[in-house]
């Protein structure tokens, strides 16, 4: 058998009932073992660059520019 054709599960007990095999398969599938779930996208509200205070504008119109979004 090649690597692609290997069985994922092998029953070694010849006396296993279909219910026992189904219980074994259900137990194994409940454990997961698949690819890990992708990380959820990070919210921009939790982004580290928002925690750093920006420098305040200075010069003409600085008071107006301080309230505008950057």
C-alpha atoms as a PDB file:
ATOM      1  CA  UNK A   1       0.000   0.000   0.000  1.00  0.00           C
ATOM      2  CA  UNK A   2       1.197   3.472  -0.777  1.00  0.00           C
ATOM      3  CA  UNK A   3       1.141   6.333   1.683  1.00  0.00           C
ATOM      4  CA  UNK A   4      -2.127   7.640   0.218  1.00  0.00           C
ATOM      5  CA  UNK A   5      -3.916   4.309   0.550  1.00  0.00           C
ATOM      6  CA  UNK A   6      -3.129   3.530   4.196  1.00  0.00           C
ATOM      7  CA  UNK A   7      -6.289   3.040   6.261  1.00  0.00           C
ATOM      8  CA  UNK A   8      -6.956   5.638   8.917  1.00  0.00           C
ATOM      9  CA  UNK A   9      -8.518   3.071  11.252  1.00  0.00           C
ATOM     10  CA  UNK A  10      -8.035  -0.675  11.461  1.00  0.00           C
ATOM     11  CA  UNK A  11     -10.258  -3.042  13.464  1.00  0.00           C
ATOM     12  CA  UNK A  12      -8.140  -5.855  14.924  1.00  0.00           C
ATOM     13  CA  UNK A  13     -10.898  -7.669  16.851  1.00  0.00           C
ATOM     14  CA  UNK A  14     -12.728 -10.049  14.493  1.00  0.00           C
ATOM     15  CA  UNK A  15     -15.649 -10.316  16.936  1.00  0.00           C
ATOM     16  CA  UNK A  16     -16.389  -6.561  16.916  1.00  0.00           C
ATOM     17  CA  UNK A  17     -20.031  -5.764  16.274  1.00  0.00           C
ATOM     18  CA  UNK A  18     -21.033  -2.922  13.958  1.00  0.00           C
ATOM     19  CA  UNK A  19     -22.182  -0.975  17.023  1.00  0.00           C
ATOM     20  CA  UNK A  20     -18.745  -1.331  18.645  1.00  0.00           C
ATOM     21  CA  UNK A  21     -17.008  -0.232  15.467  1.00  0.00           C
ATOM     22  CA  UNK A  22     -19.376   2.747  15.191  1.00  0.00           C
ATOM     23  CA  UNK A  23     -18.674   3.683  18.818  1.00  0.00           C
ATOM     24  CA  UNK A  24     -14.932   3.531  18.165  1.00  0.00           C
ATOM     25  CA  UNK A  25     -15.204   5.680  15.067  1.00  0.00           C
ATOM     26  CA  UNK A  26     -17.405   8.207  16.892  1.00  0.00           C
ATOM     27  CA  UNK A  27     -14.929   8.382  19.761  1.00  0.00           C
ATOM     28  CA  UNK A  28     -11.990   8.952  17.447  1.00  0.00           C
ATOM     29  CA  UNK A  29     -13.783  11.598  15.433  1.00  0.00           C
ATOM     30  CA  UNK A  30     -14.759  13.442  18.626  1.00  0.00           C
ATOM     31  CA  UNK A  31     -11.065  13.793  19.487  1.00  0.00           C
ATOM     32  CA  UNK A  32     -10.511  15.886  16.395  1.00  0.00           C
ATOM     33  CA  UNK A  33      -7.080  15.372  14.946  1.00  0.00           C
ATOM     34  CA  UNK A  34      -7.890  17.339  11.822  1.00  0.00           C
ATOM     35  CA  UNK A  35      -6.275  20.555  10.782  1.00  0.00           C
ATOM     36  CA  UNK A  36      -6.346  23.199  13.517  1.00  0.00           C
ATOM     37  CA  UNK A  37      -8.927  25.915  13.133  1.00  0.00           C
ATOM     38  CA  UNK A  38      -7.544  29.126  11.663  1.00  0.00           C
ATOM     39  CA  UNK A  39      -6.991  31.957  14.082  1.00  0.00           C
ATOM     40  CA  UNK A  40      -9.797  34.516  14.031  1.00  0.00           C
ATOM     41  CA  UNK A  41      -8.815  37.865  12.530  1.00  0.00           C
ATOM     42  CA  UNK A  42      -7.574  40.362  15.083  1.00  0.00           C
ATOM     43  CA  UNK A  43      -9.924  43.245  15.739  1.00  0.00           C
ATOM     44  CA  UNK A  44      -8.478  46.644  14.945  1.00  0.00           C
ATOM     45  CA  UNK A  45      -9.667  47.771  18.370  1.00  0.00           C
ATOM     46  CA  UNK A  46      -7.266  45.294  19.976  1.00  0.00           C
ATOM     47  CA  UNK A  47      -4.365  46.121  17.666  1.00  0.00           C
ATOM     48  CA  UNK A  48      -1.151  46.953  19.568  1.00  0.00           C
ATOM     49  CA  UNK A  49      -0.503  50.128  17.553  1.00  0.00           C
ATOM     50  CA  UNK A  50      -3.642  51.661  19.095  1.00  0.00           C
ATOM     51  CA  UNK A  51      -2.139  51.331  22.578  1.00  0.00           C
ATOM     52  CA  UNK A  52       0.781  53.612  21.752  1.00  0.00           C
ATOM     53  CA  UNK A  53       0.061  57.289  22.126  1.00  0.00           C
ATOM     54  CA  UNK A  54       0.761  59.311  19.014  1.00  0.00           C
ATOM     55  CA  UNK A  55       2.508  62.640  19.151  1.00  0.00           C
ATOM     56  CA  UNK A  56       0.216  65.613  19.334  1.00  0.00           C
ATOM     57  CA  UNK A  57       0.203  67.945  16.352  1.00  0.00           C
ATOM     58  CA  UNK A  58       1.679  71.385  16.828  1.00  0.00           C
ATOM     59  CA  UNK A  59       1.666  74.605  14.893  1.00  0.00           C
ATOM     60  CA  UNK A  60      -1.087  76.427  13.070  1.00  0.00           C
ATOM     61  CA  UNK A  61      -4.408  74.546  13.240  1.00  0.00           C
ATOM     62  CA  UNK A  62      -3.065  72.031  15.761  1.00  0.00           C
ATOM     63  CA  UNK A  63      -6.144  72.212  17.965  1.00  0.00           C
ATOM     64  CA  UNK A  64      -8.357  71.294  14.969  1.00  0.00           C
ATOM     65  CA  UNK A  65      -6.032  68.499  13.785  1.00  0.00           C
ATOM     66  CA  UNK A  66      -5.938  66.947  17.256  1.00  0.00           C
ATOM     67  CA  UNK A  67      -9.587  65.967  17.023  1.00  0.00           C
ATOM     68  CA  UNK A  68      -9.473  64.550  13.500  1.00  0.00           C
ATOM     69  CA  UNK A  69      -9.008  60.800  13.010  1.00  0.00           C
ATOM     70  CA  UNK A  70      -5.556  59.721  11.933  1.00  0.00           C
END
